[in-house]
Amino acid sequence: MKTLVGHRCADYHKICMALERHIEAFLESMVAERGAAQNTVLAYQADLADFAAFCASRGSGPAAADATIVTDYLASLVAAGLSARTQARRLSALRQFQRFLLRDGQRPDDPTALTSSPKQPRTLPKTISEAEISALLAAAGTLPGASGRVAEAGLEILYATGMRISEMLELPAHALPQEGNMLLIRGKGGRERIVPLSAAARDAAKTLLDTNPERPARYLFPGRRKGMPMTRQAFARLLKRVALAAGIDPGRLSPHALRHAFATHLLAHGADLRSLQTL
């Protein structure tokens, strides 16, 4: 005759065995249906094994785990000091696993359905420094032919005006002022605004326009297709080349990063925040 402890151990063993079968079936479905990589499968296996141990300690299995067990499990992750990112990853694995059980008829509901993901701390992007801007402009000048002219004009204009990439690429050729340092931009919703243009940006843009083989030029930044502007993807590839040439991580350089640098550097030099918000 089994003792009470013996019965509990047997129940615990049965729960673990059942859970392992469910996990194995889920992981196999990930490989068969989604082509999941080995490292992905191993990560899911580790996360689900942790949940398995928690369920077993509560005398439950995956097909019987309710919302309370899920909530308690997530609370245990917080108590263990795990980061919000790790908590979110484990909850994601658990959600997919429970939905698999639901689809497979192993359980009647999804105990994670009403569970919110932990909030991820927002990390501010590392601003490109003024020294790095100088390095990028110098690197742009080393690119051969039209690539160098486009890169230099683009960097100068984005950094000098803080305009959005879509606004810059859609600048008509006639937008470049013959005299003065103000540039008319047509932004979202067709709204127009005037922004100051530095002498360096104006000169780089004029060089680009003067060497444009398309006559008359329709756009300041022409694309490969006649009569069409340069695409965002093409300009992004060009920025990556410039970043590599300057010895800067390409992942840090984007049109939005230049817009952020424009605002940050102006504020550092005493610009008025309210004035910046109109640019």
C-alpha atoms as a PDB file:
ATOM      1  CA  MET A   1       0.000   0.000   0.000  1.00  0.00           C
ATOM      2  CA  LYS A   2       1.301   3.404  -0.937  1.00  0.00           C
ATOM      3  CA  THR A   3       1.757   6.024   1.740  1.00  0.00           C
ATOM      4  CA  LEU A   4       0.354   9.540   1.338  1.00  0.00           C
ATOM      5  CA  VAL A   5       3.817  10.729   0.341  1.00  0.00           C
ATOM      6  CA  GLY A   6       4.052   7.873  -2.136  1.00  0.00           C
ATOM      7  CA  HIS A   7       0.745   8.862  -3.739  1.00  0.00           C
ATOM      8  CA  ARG A   8       1.877  12.470  -3.983  1.00  0.00           C
ATOM      9  CA  CYS A   9       5.174  11.477  -5.576  1.00  0.00           C
ATOM     10  CA  ALA A  10       3.353   9.279  -8.077  1.00  0.00           C
ATOM     11  CA  ASP A  11       0.949  12.115  -8.923  1.00  0.00           C
ATOM     12  CA  TYR A  12       3.866  14.515  -9.271  1.00  0.00           C
ATOM     13  CA  HIS A  13       5.633  12.105 -11.628  1.00  0.00           C
ATOM     14  CA  LYS A  14       2.474  11.648 -13.754  1.00  0.00           C
ATOM     15  CA  ILE A  15       2.015  15.404 -14.050  1.00  0.00           C
ATOM     16  CA  CYS A  16       5.623  15.900 -15.144  1.00  0.00           C
ATOM     17  CA  MET A  17       5.433  13.082 -17.690  1.00  0.00           C
ATOM     18  CA  ALA A  18       2.188  14.464 -19.154  1.00  0.00           C
ATOM     19  CA  LEU A  19       3.661  17.925 -19.298  1.00  0.00           C
ATOM     20  CA  GLU A  20       6.742  16.679 -21.073  1.00  0.00           C
ATOM     21  CA  ARG A  21       4.559  15.033 -23.726  1.00  0.00           C
ATOM     22  CA  HIS A  22       2.602  18.239 -24.239  1.00  0.00           C
ATOM     23  CA  ILE A  23       5.787  20.287 -24.477  1.00  0.00           C
ATOM     24  CA  GLU A  24       7.313  17.820 -26.906  1.00  0.00           C
ATOM     25  CA  ALA A  25       4.231  17.982 -29.138  1.00  0.00           C
ATOM     26  CA  PHE A  26       4.257  21.777 -29.027  1.00  0.00           C
ATOM     27  CA  LEU A  27       7.947  22.003 -29.890  1.00  0.00           C
ATOM     28  CA  GLU A  28       7.500  19.549 -32.749  1.00  0.00           C
ATOM     29  CA  SER A  29       4.698  21.719 -34.115  1.00  0.00           C
ATOM     30  CA  MET A  30       6.989  24.758 -33.971  1.00  0.00           C
ATOM     31  CA  VAL A  31       9.541  22.972 -36.128  1.00  0.00           C
ATOM     32  CA  ALA A  32       7.021  21.437 -38.545  1.00  0.00           C
ATOM     33  CA  GLU A  33       4.695  24.417 -38.980  1.00  0.00           C
ATOM     34  CA  ARG A  34       6.966  27.409 -38.465  1.00  0.00           C
ATOM     35  CA  GLY A  35      10.398  26.037 -39.260  1.00  0.00           C
ATOM     36  CA  ALA A  36      11.684  27.230 -35.879  1.00  0.00           C
ATOM     37  CA  ALA A  37      15.466  27.187 -35.485  1.00  0.00           C
ATOM     38  CA  GLN A  38      17.154  24.921 -32.962  1.00  0.00           C
ATOM     39  CA  ASN A  39      18.111  27.780 -30.626  1.00  0.00           C
ATOM     40  CA  THR A  40      14.514  29.035 -30.654  1.00  0.00           C
ATOM     41  CA  VAL A  41      13.192  25.586 -29.802  1.00  0.00           C
ATOM     42  CA  LEU A  42      15.690  25.198 -26.962  1.00  0.00           C
ATOM     43  CA  ALA A  43      14.737  28.600 -25.541  1.00  0.00           C
ATOM     44  CA  TYR A  44      11.035  27.690 -25.563  1.00  0.00           C
ATOM     45  CA  GLN A  45      11.826  24.328 -24.013  1.00  0.00           C
ATOM     46  CA  ALA A  46      13.718  25.960 -21.144  1.00  0.00           C
ATOM     47  CA  ASP A  47      10.981  28.530 -20.493  1.00  0.00           C
ATOM     48  CA  LEU A  48       8.221  25.924 -20.550  1.00  0.00           C
ATOM     49  CA  ALA A  49      10.210  23.574 -18.333  1.00  0.00           C
ATOM     50  CA  ASP A  50      10.304  26.342 -15.734  1.00  0.00           C
ATOM     51  CA  PHE A  51       6.521  26.714 -15.936  1.00  0.00           C
ATOM     52  CA  ALA A  52       6.228  22.918 -15.777  1.00  0.00           C
ATOM     53  CA  ALA A  53       8.071  22.806 -12.475  1.00  0.00           C
ATOM     54  CA  PHE A  54       5.860  25.566 -11.069  1.00  0.00           C
ATOM     55  CA  CYS A  55       2.657  23.799 -12.155  1.00  0.00           C
ATOM     56  CA  ALA A  56       3.850  20.515 -10.693  1.00  0.00           C
ATOM     57  CA  SER A  57       4.585  22.200  -7.364  1.00  0.00           C
ATOM     58  CA  ARG A  58       0.938  23.305  -7.337  1.00  0.00           C
ATOM     59  CA  GLY A  59      -0.299  19.813  -8.181  1.00  0.00           C
ATOM     60  CA  SER A  60      -1.468  20.876 -11.612  1.00  0.00           C
ATOM     61  CA  GLY A  61      -0.623  20.211 -15.228  1.00  0.00           C
ATOM     62  CA  PRO A  62      -0.671  22.434 -18.316  1.00  0.00           C
ATOM     63  CA  ALA A  63      -4.116  21.329 -19.428  1.00  0.00           C
ATOM     64  CA  ALA A  64      -5.535  22.155 -15.989  1.00  0.00           C
ATOM     65  CA  ALA A  65      -3.556  25.299 -15.141  1.00  0.00           C
ATOM     66  CA  ASP A  66      -5.957  28.175 -14.646  1.00  0.00           C
ATOM     67  CA  ALA A  67      -5.545  31.958 -14.722  1.00  0.00           C
ATOM     68  CA  THR A  68      -4.681  31.973 -11.017  1.00  0.00           C
ATOM     69  CA  ILE A  69      -1.733  29.646 -11.543  1.00  0.00           C
ATOM     70  CA  VAL A  70      -0.544  31.765 -14.475  1.00  0.00           C
ATOM     71  CA  THR A  71      -0.820  34.928 -12.363  1.00  0.00           C
ATOM     72  CA  ASP A  72       1.015  33.300  -9.463  1.00  0.00           C
ATOM     73  CA  TYR A  73       3.718  32.054 -11.818  1.00  0.00           C
ATOM     74  CA  LEU A  74       4.295  35.540 -13.217  1.00  0.00           C
ATOM     75  CA  ALA A  75       4.380  36.909  -9.663  1.00  0.00           C
ATOM     76  CA  SER A  76       7.079  34.358  -8.841  1.00  0.00           C
ATOM     77  CA  LEU A  77       9.169  35.670 -11.729  1.00  0.00           C
ATOM     78  CA  VAL A  78       8.896  39.185 -10.323  1.00  0.00           C
ATOM     79  CA  ALA A  79       9.818  37.936  -6.847  1.00  0.00           C
ATOM     80  CA  ALA A  80      12.835  36.153  -8.329  1.00  0.00           C
ATOM     81  CA  GLY A  81      14.064  39.492  -9.673  1.00  0.00           C
ATOM     82  CA  LEU A  82      13.841  38.574 -13.353  1.00  0.00           C
ATOM     83  CA  SER A  83      13.853  41.486 -15.788  1.00  0.00           C
ATOM     84  CA  ALA A  84      10.690  42.688 -17.518  1.00  0.00           C
ATOM     85  CA  ARG A  85      12.164  41.452 -20.799  1.00  0.00           C
ATOM     86  CA  THR A  86      12.629  37.923 -19.419  1.00  0.00           C
ATOM     87  CA  GLN A  87       9.143  37.953 -17.895  1.00  0.00           C
ATOM     88  CA  ALA A  88       7.657  39.018 -21.232  1.00  0.00           C
ATOM     89  CA  ARG A  89       9.564  36.293 -23.067  1.00  0.00           C
ATOM     90  CA  ARG A  90       8.347  33.574 -20.723  1.00  0.00           C
ATOM     91  CA  LEU A  91       4.779  34.837 -20.913  1.00  0.00           C
ATOM     92  CA  SER A  92       4.994  34.820 -24.714  1.00  0.00           C
ATOM     93  CA  ALA A  93       6.178  31.200 -24.688  1.00  0.00           C
ATOM     94  CA  LEU A  94       3.425  30.294 -22.239  1.00  0.00           C
ATOM     95  CA  ARG A  95       0.750  32.004 -24.343  1.00  0.00           C
ATOM     96  CA  GLN A  96       1.762  30.159 -27.481  1.00  0.00           C
ATOM     97  CA  PHE A  97       1.914  26.879 -25.591  1.00  0.00           C
ATOM     98  CA  GLN A  98      -1.547  27.330 -24.060  1.00  0.00           C
ATOM     99  CA  ARG A  99      -3.048  28.329 -27.413  1.00  0.00           C
ATOM    100  CA  PHE A 100      -1.548  25.183 -28.894  1.00  0.00           C
ATOM    101  CA  LEU A 101      -3.225  23.104 -26.171  1.00  0.00           C
ATOM    102  CA  LEU A 102      -6.512  24.905 -26.835  1.00  0.00           C
ATOM    103  CA  ARG A 103      -6.348  24.267 -30.595  1.00  0.00           C
ATOM    104  CA  ASP A 104      -5.369  20.663 -29.963  1.00  0.00           C
ATOM    105  CA  GLY A 105      -8.371  20.088 -27.691  1.00  0.00           C
ATOM    106  CA  GLN A 106      -6.210  19.507 -24.623  1.00  0.00           C
ATOM    107  CA  ARG A 107      -7.928  22.247 -22.658  1.00  0.00           C
ATOM    108  CA  PRO A 108     -11.217  24.211 -22.965  1.00  0.00           C
ATOM    109  CA  ASP A 109      -9.823  27.726 -22.584  1.00  0.00           C
ATOM    110  CA  ASP A 110      -6.693  29.881 -22.610  1.00  0.00           C
ATOM    111  CA  PRO A 111      -5.640  30.876 -19.071  1.00  0.00           C
ATOM    112  CA  THR A 112      -3.308  33.558 -20.442  1.00  0.00           C
ATOM    113  CA  ALA A 113      -6.005  35.348 -22.468  1.00  0.00           C
ATOM    114  CA  LEU A 114      -6.544  38.165 -19.969  1.00  0.00           C
ATOM    115  CA  THR A 115      -2.936  38.436 -18.799  1.00  0.00           C
ATOM    116  CA  SER A 116      -1.117  41.649 -19.706  1.00  0.00           C
ATOM    117  CA  SER A 117       2.528  41.641 -20.707  1.00  0.00           C
ATOM    118  CA  PRO A 118       4.911  43.362 -18.281  1.00  0.00           C
ATOM    119  CA  LYS A 119       5.807  46.883 -19.347  1.00  0.00           C
ATOM    120  CA  GLN A 120       9.224  47.177 -20.904  1.00  0.00           C
ATOM    121  CA  PRO A 121      11.388  50.067 -19.696  1.00  0.00           C
ATOM    122  CA  ARG A 122      11.841  52.600 -22.471  1.00  0.00           C
ATOM    123  CA  THR A 123      15.454  53.226 -23.379  1.00  0.00           C
ATOM    124  CA  LEU A 124      16.287  56.541 -24.960  1.00  0.00           C
ATOM    125  CA  PRO A 125      18.264  56.310 -28.187  1.00  0.00           C
ATOM    126  CA  LYS A 126      21.913  57.266 -27.865  1.00  0.00           C
ATOM    127  CA  THR A 127      22.214  60.594 -29.626  1.00  0.00           C
ATOM    128  CA  ILE A 128      24.743  60.938 -32.411  1.00  0.00           C
ATOM    129  CA  SER A 129      27.362  63.388 -31.158  1.00  0.00           C
ATOM    130  CA  GLU A 130      28.526  66.507 -32.974  1.00  0.00           C
ATOM    131  CA  ALA A 131      31.912  64.857 -33.502  1.00  0.00           C
ATOM    132  CA  GLU A 132      30.191  61.862 -35.092  1.00  0.00           C
ATOM    133  CA  ILE A 133      28.181  64.178 -37.359  1.00  0.00           C
ATOM    134  CA  SER A 134      31.463  65.692 -38.553  1.00  0.00           C
ATOM    135  CA  ALA A 135      32.875  62.205 -39.132  1.00  0.00           C
ATOM    136  CA  LEU A 136      29.784  61.199 -41.124  1.00  0.00           C
ATOM    137  CA  LEU A 137      29.974  64.281 -43.338  1.00  0.00           C
ATOM    138  CA  ALA A 138      33.662  63.656 -43.966  1.00  0.00           C
ATOM    139  CA  ALA A 139      32.955  60.008 -44.793  1.00  0.00           C
ATOM    140  CA  ALA A 140      30.143  60.981 -47.183  1.00  0.00           C
ATOM    141  CA  GLY A 141      32.625  63.061 -49.149  1.00  0.00           C
ATOM    142  CA  THR A 142      34.804  59.994 -49.704  1.00  0.00           C
ATOM    143  CA  LEU A 143      32.088  58.002 -51.480  1.00  0.00           C
ATOM    144  CA  PRO A 144      32.631  58.005 -55.234  1.00  0.00           C
ATOM    145  CA  GLY A 145      30.518  59.838 -57.802  1.00  0.00           C
ATOM    146  CA  ALA A 146      26.828  60.512 -57.327  1.00  0.00           C
ATOM    147  CA  SER A 147      26.682  58.413 -54.144  1.00  0.00           C
ATOM    148  CA  GLY A 148      28.953  60.854 -52.355  1.00  0.00           C
ATOM    149  CA  ARG A 149      27.012  63.892 -53.550  1.00  0.00           C
ATOM    150  CA  VAL A 150      23.662  62.395 -52.541  1.00  0.00           C
ATOM    151  CA  ALA A 151      24.976  61.274 -49.144  1.00  0.00           C
ATOM    152  CA  GLU A 152      26.573  64.620 -48.380  1.00  0.00           C
ATOM    153  CA  ALA A 153      23.524  66.650 -49.430  1.00  0.00           C
ATOM    154  CA  GLY A 154      21.170  64.334 -47.554  1.00  0.00           C
ATOM    155  CA  LEU A 155      23.174  64.426 -44.334  1.00  0.00           C
ATOM    156  CA  GLU A 156      23.616  68.191 -44.483  1.00  0.00           C
ATOM    157  CA  ILE A 157      19.921  68.849 -45.126  1.00  0.00           C
ATOM    158  CA  LEU A 158      18.570  66.388 -42.551  1.00  0.00           C
ATOM    159  CA  TYR A 159      20.936  67.646 -39.864  1.00  0.00           C
ATOM    160  CA  ALA A 160      20.469  71.330 -40.718  1.00  0.00           C
ATOM    161  CA  THR A 161      16.671  71.290 -40.907  1.00  0.00           C
ATOM    162  CA  GLY A 162      15.456  68.360 -38.804  1.00  0.00           C
ATOM    163  CA  MET A 163      12.980  67.476 -41.545  1.00  0.00           C
ATOM    164  CA  ARG A 164      11.555  64.004 -41.992  1.00  0.00           C
ATOM    165  CA  ILE A 165      13.106  61.686 -44.574  1.00  0.00           C
ATOM    166  CA  SER A 166       9.891  61.557 -46.615  1.00  0.00           C
ATOM    167  CA  GLU A 167       9.828  65.355 -46.749  1.00  0.00           C
ATOM    168  CA  MET A 168      13.419  65.546 -47.946  1.00  0.00           C
ATOM    169  CA  LEU A 169      13.153  62.893 -50.625  1.00  0.00           C
ATOM    170  CA  GLU A 170      10.035  64.525 -52.028  1.00  0.00           C
ATOM    171  CA  LEU A 171      11.636  67.967 -52.262  1.00  0.00           C
ATOM    172  CA  PRO A 172      11.128  69.276 -55.796  1.00  0.00           C
ATOM    173  CA  ALA A 173      14.232  70.585 -57.524  1.00  0.00           C
ATOM    174  CA  HIS A 174      12.837  74.125 -57.520  1.00  0.00           C
ATOM    175  CA  ALA A 175      12.511  74.086 -53.709  1.00  0.00           C
ATOM    176  CA  LEU A 176      16.187  74.984 -53.386  1.00  0.00           C
ATOM    177  CA  PRO A 177      16.418  78.769 -52.874  1.00  0.00           C
ATOM    178  CA  GLN A 178      18.578  80.672 -55.329  1.00  0.00           C
ATOM    179  CA  GLU A 179      19.292  83.214 -52.620  1.00  0.00           C
ATOM    180  CA  GLY A 180      18.777  83.316 -48.890  1.00  0.00           C
ATOM    181  CA  ASN A 181      18.773  80.482 -46.391  1.00  0.00           C
ATOM    182  CA  MET A 182      15.118  79.499 -46.006  1.00  0.00           C
ATOM    183  CA  LEU A 183      13.597  76.306 -47.387  1.00  0.00           C
ATOM    184  CA  LEU A 184       9.885  75.721 -47.987  1.00  0.00           C
ATOM    185  CA  ILE A 185       8.771  72.221 -46.931  1.00  0.00           C
ATOM    186  CA  ARG A 186       5.472  70.535 -47.620  1.00  0.00           C
ATOM    187  CA  GLY A 187       4.850  68.202 -44.707  1.00  0.00           C
ATOM    188  CA  LYS A 188       2.135  65.875 -43.457  1.00  0.00           C
ATOM    189  CA  GLY A 189      -1.358  66.682 -44.678  1.00  0.00           C
ATOM    190  CA  GLY A 190       0.013  69.106 -47.250  1.00  0.00           C
ATOM    191  CA  ARG A 191       0.907  71.645 -44.564  1.00  0.00           C
ATOM    192  CA  GLU A 192       3.755  73.950 -45.484  1.00  0.00           C
ATOM    193  CA  ARG A 193       6.424  75.375 -43.233  1.00  0.00           C
ATOM    194  CA  ILE A 194       9.661  77.286 -43.696  1.00  0.00           C
ATOM    195  CA  VAL A 195      12.895  76.080 -42.115  1.00  0.00           C
ATOM    196  CA  PRO A 196      16.376  77.619 -42.105  1.00  0.00           C
ATOM    197  CA  LEU A 197      18.952  76.019 -44.395  1.00  0.00           C
ATOM    198  CA  SER A 198      22.647  76.230 -43.552  1.00  0.00           C
ATOM    199  CA  ALA A 199      25.132  77.456 -46.124  1.00  0.00           C
ATOM    200  CA  ALA A 200      26.813  74.034 -46.154  1.00  0.00           C
ATOM    201  CA  ALA A 201      23.489  72.294 -46.791  1.00  0.00           C
ATOM    202  CA  ARG A 202      22.551  74.747 -49.537  1.00  0.00           C
ATOM    203  CA  ASP A 203      25.932  74.326 -51.252  1.00  0.00           C
ATOM    204  CA  ALA A 204      25.777  70.519 -51.055  1.00  0.00           C
ATOM    205  CA  ALA A 205      22.228  70.532 -52.447  1.00  0.00           C
ATOM    206  CA  LYS A 206      23.226  72.904 -55.275  1.00  0.00           C
ATOM    207  CA  THR A 207      26.132  70.632 -56.220  1.00  0.00           C
ATOM    208  CA  LEU A 208      23.750  67.683 -56.289  1.00  0.00           C
ATOM    209  CA  LEU A 209      21.264  69.576 -58.453  1.00  0.00           C
ATOM    210  CA  ASP A 210      23.913  70.870 -60.872  1.00  0.00           C
ATOM    211  CA  THR A 211      25.230  67.345 -61.490  1.00  0.00           C
ATOM    212  CA  ASN A 212      21.798  65.784 -61.941  1.00  0.00           C
ATOM    213  CA  PRO A 213      21.786  64.195 -65.421  1.00  0.00           C
ATOM    214  CA  GLU A 214      18.003  64.506 -65.624  1.00  0.00           C
ATOM    215  CA  ARG A 215      17.010  67.763 -67.305  1.00  0.00           C
ATOM    216  CA  PRO A 216      14.849  69.387 -66.203  1.00  0.00           C
ATOM    217  CA  ALA A 217      15.156  67.771 -62.801  1.00  0.00           C
ATOM    218  CA  ARG A 218      11.860  67.088 -61.024  1.00  0.00           C
ATOM    219  CA  TYR A 219      13.247  66.094 -57.637  1.00  0.00           C
ATOM    220  CA  LEU A 220      16.302  67.254 -55.741  1.00  0.00           C
ATOM    221  CA  PHE A 221      16.967  63.599 -54.877  1.00  0.00           C
ATOM    222  CA  PRO A 222      16.092  61.691 -58.058  1.00  0.00           C
ATOM    223  CA  GLY A 223      15.529  57.951 -57.989  1.00  0.00           C
ATOM    224  CA  ARG A 224      16.578  55.312 -60.473  1.00  0.00           C
ATOM    225  CA  ARG A 225      13.185  55.438 -62.138  1.00  0.00           C
ATOM    226  CA  LYS A 226      12.845  58.504 -64.320  1.00  0.00           C
ATOM    227  CA  GLY A 227      10.614  61.162 -62.837  1.00  0.00           C
ATOM    228  CA  MET A 228      10.504  59.482 -59.410  1.00  0.00           C
ATOM    229  CA  PRO A 229      12.261  60.473 -56.171  1.00  0.00           C
ATOM    230  CA  MET A 230      14.846  58.347 -54.427  1.00  0.00           C
ATOM    231  CA  THR A 231      13.277  55.672 -52.225  1.00  0.00           C
ATOM    232  CA  ARG A 232      13.659  55.537 -48.456  1.00  0.00           C
ATOM    233  CA  GLN A 233      15.246  52.096 -48.775  1.00  0.00           C
ATOM    234  CA  ALA A 234      17.891  53.350 -51.212  1.00  0.00           C
ATOM    235  CA  PHE A 235      18.775  56.262 -48.940  1.00  0.00           C
ATOM    236  CA  ALA A 236      18.937  53.933 -45.913  1.00  0.00           C
ATOM    237  CA  ARG A 237      21.437  51.722 -47.757  1.00  0.00           C
ATOM    238  CA  LEU A 238      23.500  54.798 -48.559  1.00  0.00           C
ATOM    239  CA  LEU A 239      23.481  55.878 -44.909  1.00  0.00           C
ATOM    240  CA  LYS A 240      24.765  52.441 -43.924  1.00  0.00           C
ATOM    241  CA  ARG A 241      27.715  52.834 -46.299  1.00  0.00           C
ATOM    242  CA  VAL A 242      28.483  56.240 -44.826  1.00  0.00           C
ATOM    243  CA  ALA A 243      28.314  54.921 -41.254  1.00  0.00           C
ATOM    244  CA  LEU A 244      30.685  52.068 -42.041  1.00  0.00           C
ATOM    245  CA  ALA A 245      33.099  54.469 -43.733  1.00  0.00           C
ATOM    246  CA  ALA A 246      32.985  56.698 -40.641  1.00  0.00           C
ATOM    247  CA  GLY A 247      33.529  53.791 -38.242  1.00  0.00           C
ATOM    248  CA  ILE A 248      30.087  54.224 -36.654  1.00  0.00           C
ATOM    249  CA  ASP A 249      27.629  51.424 -35.910  1.00  0.00           C
ATOM    250  CA  PRO A 250      25.141  51.499 -38.837  1.00  0.00           C
ATOM    251  CA  GLY A 251      22.365  50.528 -36.432  1.00  0.00           C
ATOM    252  CA  ARG A 252      22.690  53.923 -34.750  1.00  0.00           C
ATOM    253  CA  LEU A 253      22.376  55.951 -37.944  1.00  0.00           C
ATOM    254  CA  SER A 254      18.984  56.620 -39.465  1.00  0.00           C
ATOM    255  CA  PRO A 255      17.099  59.669 -40.736  1.00  0.00           C
ATOM    256  CA  HIS A 256      15.216  59.740 -37.433  1.00  0.00           C
ATOM    257  CA  ALA A 257      18.505  59.634 -35.507  1.00  0.00           C
ATOM    258  CA  LEU A 258      19.697  62.667 -37.478  1.00  0.00           C
ATOM    259  CA  ARG A 259      16.434  64.474 -36.704  1.00  0.00           C
ATOM    260  CA  HIS A 260      16.927  63.647 -33.010  1.00  0.00           C
ATOM    261  CA  ALA A 261      20.539  64.846 -33.134  1.00  0.00           C
ATOM    262  CA  PHE A 262      19.424  68.088 -34.801  1.00  0.00           C
ATOM    263  CA  ALA A 263      17.030  68.865 -31.943  1.00  0.00           C
ATOM    264  CA  THR A 264      19.375  67.707 -29.176  1.00  0.00           C
ATOM    265  CA  HIS A 265      22.341  69.721 -30.416  1.00  0.00           C
ATOM    266  CA  LEU A 266      20.266  72.868 -30.913  1.00  0.00           C
ATOM    267  CA  LEU A 267      18.876  72.592 -27.381  1.00  0.00           C
ATOM    268  CA  ALA A 268      22.397  72.100 -26.055  1.00  0.00           C
ATOM    269  CA  HIS A 269      23.386  75.354 -27.735  1.00  0.00           C
ATOM    270  CA  GLY A 270      20.513  77.303 -26.213  1.00  0.00           C
ATOM    271  CA  ALA A 271      17.702  76.959 -28.763  1.00  0.00           C
ATOM    272  CA  ASP A 272      14.130  77.494 -27.573  1.00  0.00           C
ATOM    273  CA  LEU A 273      12.137  74.260 -27.237  1.00  0.00           C
ATOM    274  CA  ARG A 274       8.898  75.859 -28.439  1.00  0.00           C
ATOM    275  CA  SER A 275      10.618  77.101 -31.587  1.00  0.00           C
ATOM    276  CA  LEU A 276      12.066  73.642 -32.208  1.00  0.00           C
ATOM    277  CA  GLN A 277       8.619  72.074 -32.045  1.00  0.00           C
ATOM    278  CA  THR A 278       7.560  74.057 -35.115  1.00  0.00           C
ATOM    279  CA  LEU A 279      10.403  72.699 -37.277  1.00  0.00           C
END
